């Protein structure tokens, strides 16, 4: 049985991977934000980086759940069709 995943599934997987990578990068090397954008919104305290990392982790989890639902929807459609 071959499952044909939708474009939405692949977009959710790609966005989940990208946000997970950004979260990991922010946790391991928080200075990348200042280096990339040339701004230090928290004055070197690090709160902004931790807030961004937490938000990216939540976003990654939400996208992973959405992709899982889309995958199960594809399986259900295949078994009915």
Protein backbone atom coordinates (compact mmCIF):
# COMPACT_ATOMS: atom_id res chain seq x y z
CA UNK A 1 0.00 0.00 0.00
CA UNK A 2 1.51 3.31 -1.10
CA UNK A 3 0.42 6.44 0.72
CA UNK A 4 0.34 9.66 -1.29
CA UNK A 5 1.09 12.46 1.16
CA UNK A 6 -0.37 15.87 0.44
CA UNK A 7 1.57 19.03 -0.26
CA UNK A 8 0.34 20.35 3.08
CA UNK A 9 2.04 17.44 4.87
CA UNK A 10 5.37 18.14 3.18
CA UNK A 11 5.14 21.87 3.90
CA UNK A 12 4.41 21.16 7.57
CA UNK A 13 7.35 18.75 7.76
CA UNK A 14 9.70 21.25 6.11
CA UNK A 15 8.57 24.12 8.35
CA UNK A 16 8.84 21.89 11.42
CA UNK A 17 12.40 20.90 10.50
CA UNK A 18 13.38 24.53 9.84
CA UNK A 19 11.93 25.80 13.10
CA UNK A 20 13.50 22.91 15.01
CA UNK A 21 16.88 23.71 13.49
CA UNK A 22 16.46 27.40 14.36
CA UNK A 23 15.51 26.48 17.94
CA UNK A 24 18.56 24.23 18.28
CA UNK A 25 20.80 26.92 16.80
CA UNK A 26 19.38 29.50 19.21
CA UNK A 27 19.95 27.22 22.20
CA UNK A 28 23.51 26.28 21.19
CA UNK A 29 24.63 29.66 19.79
CA UNK A 30 22.30 32.45 20.93
CA UNK A 31 24.53 35.22 19.53
CA UNK A 32 23.54 34.39 15.95
CA UNK A 33 20.55 36.69 16.32
CA UNK A 34 22.67 39.73 17.17
CA UNK A 35 25.18 38.87 14.47
CA UNK A 36 22.52 38.39 11.79
CA UNK A 37 20.30 41.38 12.54
CA UNK A 38 22.86 43.71 14.11
CA UNK A 39 20.57 44.45 17.07
CA UNK A 40 20.58 43.47 20.72
CA UNK A 41 17.00 43.95 21.95
CA UNK A 42 17.61 42.73 25.51
CA UNK A 43 20.92 44.50 26.08
CA UNK A 44 22.95 41.30 26.29
CA UNK A 45 20.78 39.67 28.96
CA UNK A 46 19.77 36.69 26.87
CA UNK A 47 16.03 36.79 27.64
CA UNK A 48 15.07 37.41 24.03
CA UNK A 49 17.06 34.41 22.84
CA UNK A 50 15.44 32.09 25.40
CA UNK A 51 11.99 33.42 24.56
CA UNK A 52 12.65 32.86 20.86
CA UNK A 53 13.97 29.35 21.51
CA UNK A 54 10.89 28.48 23.57
CA UNK A 55 8.54 29.88 20.92
CA UNK A 56 10.35 27.95 18.19
CA UNK A 57 10.08 24.73 20.21
CA UNK A 58 6.32 25.25 20.63
CA UNK A 59 5.98 26.05 16.92
CA UNK A 60 7.97 22.92 15.99
CA UNK A 61 5.77 20.75 18.20
CA UNK A 62 2.57 22.25 16.77
CA UNK A 63 3.74 21.69 13.19
CA UNK A 64 4.77 18.12 13.98
CA UNK A 65 1.33 17.39 15.42
CA UNK A 66 -0.33 18.96 12.38
CA UNK A 67 1.84 16.90 10.02
CA UNK A 68 0.96 13.75 11.95
CA UNK A 69 -2.74 14.51 11.60
CA UNK A 70 -2.32 15.14 7.89
CA UNK A 71 -0.44 11.84 7.52
CA UNK A 72 -3.21 9.94 9.34
CA UNK A 73 -5.78 11.69 7.12
CA UNK A 74 -3.86 10.45 4.05
CA UNK A 75 -3.87 6.90 5.43
CA UNK A 76 -7.60 7.07 6.16
CA UNK A 77 -8.33 8.39 2.67
CA UNK A 78 -6.24 5.60 1.12
CA UNK A 79 -8.01 2.89 3.12
CA UNK A 80 -11.45 4.26 2.16
CA UNK A 81 -10.62 4.83 -1.48
